[in-house]
Amino acid sequence: MDAELPQSVLFCCDHNAVRSPMAEGIMKKLYGADTYVQSAGVKSDLDIDGFSISVCEEMGVELSRHRARSFDEMEEWGDDLSSFDLVVALSPASQRRALELTRVFHLEVVYWPIMDPTGLGETREAKLNAYRQTRDQIRAHLIDRWGPPRDV
């Protein structure tokens, strides 16, 4: 049985440059605007990754305007972590940080072990294939949790 879509979800990873923006964009594409979806990283020291942009474009997800942000910046910009129904951590470091930040809230934090494609592959095509694997892992986790895409 598919879980009901939450009102709000925060995806997080290490730098908010590859996995979490992919998850944010793919969730919006699959399930529409009924759920408030954001992403953040433990750090925000990198720009959105070009390979992430490319492989998400292949499925109609636009990431080029994404701006990386950290948990700290999120708080500074007024997004209160306690206002999210669910935090989905896509890396061990982001899971630790999310649990640390939410220990005083009644907030579900789940961990999805999503492959980090950065540094994989020698050629452009091999790199794109690694990023496609990551994209497809995220999509599979989303569908496994919330069911088939909605007609949006």
Protein backbone atom coordinates (compact mmCIF):
# COMPACT_ATOMS: atom_id res chain seq x y z
CA MET A 1 0.00 0.00 0.00
CA ASP A 2 1.31 3.44 -0.92
CA ALA A 3 1.75 6.01 1.81
CA GLU A 4 -0.28 9.19 1.65
CA LEU A 5 1.70 12.14 0.36
CA PRO A 6 2.89 14.36 3.20
CA GLN A 7 2.13 18.08 3.21
CA SER A 8 5.86 18.91 3.22
CA VAL A 9 9.12 17.07 2.55
CA LEU A 10 12.74 18.13 2.89
CA PHE A 11 15.36 16.16 0.96
CA CYS A 12 18.94 16.52 2.17
CA CYS A 13 22.40 15.38 1.15
CA ASP A 14 25.99 16.56 1.58
CA HIS A 15 26.15 19.70 -0.61
CA ASN A 16 22.64 20.20 -2.05
CA ALA A 17 24.22 20.02 -5.50
CA VAL A 18 23.43 16.51 -6.80
CA ARG A 19 21.12 14.09 -4.97
CA SER A 20 18.79 16.32 -2.95
CA PRO A 21 18.00 18.76 -5.78
CA MET A 22 17.37 15.77 -8.05
CA ALA A 23 14.96 14.33 -5.47
CA GLU A 24 13.22 17.69 -5.02
CA GLY A 25 12.73 18.14 -8.76
CA ILE A 26 11.68 14.56 -9.45
CA MET A 27 9.14 14.57 -6.62
CA LYS A 28 7.60 17.79 -7.93
CA LYS A 29 7.44 16.26 -11.41
CA LEU A 30 5.86 12.99 -10.25
CA TYR A 31 3.43 14.27 -7.64
CA GLY A 32 2.70 17.91 -8.49
CA ALA A 33 2.39 20.87 -6.19
CA ASP A 34 0.18 19.32 -3.49
CA THR A 35 3.28 18.71 -1.36
CA TYR A 36 5.69 21.49 -0.36
CA VAL A 37 9.11 20.14 -1.35
CA GLN A 38 12.51 21.65 -0.57
CA SER A 39 16.10 20.46 -0.37
CA ALA A 40 19.18 21.34 1.64
CA GLY A 41 22.69 20.15 2.28
CA VAL A 42 24.99 19.81 5.23
CA LYS A 43 27.04 22.40 3.31
CA SER A 44 26.18 24.63 0.37
CA ASP A 45 29.66 25.15 -1.00
CA LEU A 46 28.97 23.80 -4.51
CA ASP A 47 26.73 24.92 -7.36
CA ILE A 48 24.16 22.59 -8.88
CA ASP A 49 26.00 19.85 -10.75
CA GLY A 50 25.81 19.99 -14.55
CA PHE A 51 25.43 16.24 -14.90
CA SER A 52 22.45 16.36 -12.51
CA ILE A 53 20.88 19.04 -14.68
CA SER A 54 21.45 16.95 -17.83
CA VAL A 55 20.04 13.64 -16.59
CA CYS A 56 17.01 15.31 -15.02
CA GLU A 57 16.30 17.22 -18.26
CA GLU A 58 16.01 13.81 -19.92
CA MET A 59 12.84 13.22 -17.90
CA GLY A 60 11.48 16.76 -18.09
CA VAL A 61 12.79 17.99 -14.72
CA GLU A 62 14.41 21.44 -14.80
CA LEU A 63 17.20 21.99 -12.24
CA SER A 64 19.32 24.73 -13.82
CA ARG A 65 17.83 27.47 -11.61
CA HIS A 66 18.42 25.53 -8.38
CA ARG A 67 20.55 27.36 -5.81
CA ALA A 68 22.29 25.21 -3.22
CA ARG A 69 21.57 25.94 0.42
CA SER A 70 22.63 24.44 3.70
CA PHE A 71 20.55 23.61 6.76
CA ASP A 72 21.94 26.78 8.38
CA GLU A 73 20.99 28.97 5.40
CA MET A 74 17.57 27.38 5.33
CA GLU A 75 17.02 28.49 8.90
CA GLU A 76 18.38 31.98 8.15
CA TRP A 77 15.95 32.27 5.22
CA GLY A 78 12.97 31.38 7.40
CA ASP A 79 12.36 27.71 6.54
CA ASP A 80 11.86 26.15 9.97
CA LEU A 81 12.85 22.49 10.00
CA SER A 82 10.01 21.72 12.41
CA SER A 83 7.49 22.78 9.76
CA PHE A 84 8.31 19.75 7.57
CA ASP A 85 6.37 16.50 7.96
CA LEU A 86 9.23 14.38 6.68
CA VAL A 87 12.97 14.71 6.17
CA VAL A 88 14.51 12.30 3.66
CA ALA A 89 18.28 12.01 4.06
CA LEU A 90 20.15 10.78 0.99
CA SER A 91 23.60 10.52 2.57
CA PRO A 92 24.90 9.36 5.96
CA ALA A 93 26.24 12.85 6.83
CA SER A 94 22.90 14.49 6.07
CA GLN A 95 21.07 11.85 8.09
CA ARG A 96 23.28 12.59 11.13
CA ARG A 97 22.76 16.36 10.71
CA ALA A 98 19.00 16.01 10.24
CA LEU A 99 18.68 13.81 13.34
CA GLU A 100 20.79 16.27 15.32
CA LEU A 101 18.65 19.24 14.21
CA THR A 102 15.31 17.48 14.74
CA ARG A 103 15.95 15.75 18.06
CA VAL A 104 13.59 18.16 19.85
CA PHE A 105 10.82 17.89 17.21
CA HIS A 106 8.33 15.13 16.54
CA LEU A 107 9.52 14.74 12.97
CA GLU A 108 10.14 11.66 10.86
CA VAL A 109 13.64 11.36 9.40
CA VAL A 110 14.21 8.51 6.96
CA TYR A 111 17.39 7.46 5.20
CA TRP A 112 17.47 6.38 1.56
CA PRO A 113 20.93 5.03 0.61
CA ILE A 114 21.32 6.80 -2.73
CA MET A 115 24.58 6.40 -4.64
CA ASP A 116 26.78 9.50 -4.91
CA PRO A 117 27.71 9.61 -8.61
CA THR A 118 30.35 12.33 -8.35
CA GLY A 119 33.77 11.07 -9.32
CA LEU A 120 32.42 7.98 -11.09
CA GLY A 121 33.12 7.27 -14.75
CA GLU A 122 36.02 8.21 -16.98
CA THR A 123 34.17 9.47 -20.04
CA ARG A 124 31.27 11.90 -20.31
CA GLU A 125 28.90 9.05 -21.21
CA ALA A 126 30.13 6.93 -18.27
CA LYS A 127 29.60 9.89 -15.91
CA LEU A 128 26.10 10.48 -17.31
CA ASN A 129 25.30 6.79 -16.78
CA ALA A 130 26.34 7.03 -13.12
CA TYR A 131 24.11 10.09 -12.66
CA ARG A 132 21.26 8.28 -14.42
CA GLN A 133 21.61 5.43 -11.93
CA THR A 134 21.32 7.92 -9.06
CA ARG A 135 18.31 9.61 -10.69
CA ASP A 136 16.64 6.25 -11.22
CA GLN A 137 17.33 5.15 -7.63
CA ILE A 138 15.64 8.32 -6.37
CA ARG A 139 12.66 7.81 -8.69
CA ALA A 140 12.30 4.18 -7.55
CA HIS A 141 12.34 5.20 -3.86
CA LEU A 142 9.71 7.87 -4.50
CA ILE A 143 7.40 5.45 -6.31
CA ASP A 144 8.00 2.74 -3.72
CA ARG A 145 6.95 5.14 -0.95
CA TRP A 146 4.16 7.14 -2.62
CA GLY A 147 3.01 5.04 -5.55
CA PRO A 148 2.73 5.74 -9.25
CA PRO A 149 3.12 9.32 -10.51
CA ARG A 150 0.00 11.48 -10.31
CA ASP A 151 -1.50 12.98 -13.42
CA VAL A 152 -0.15 16.51 -13.02
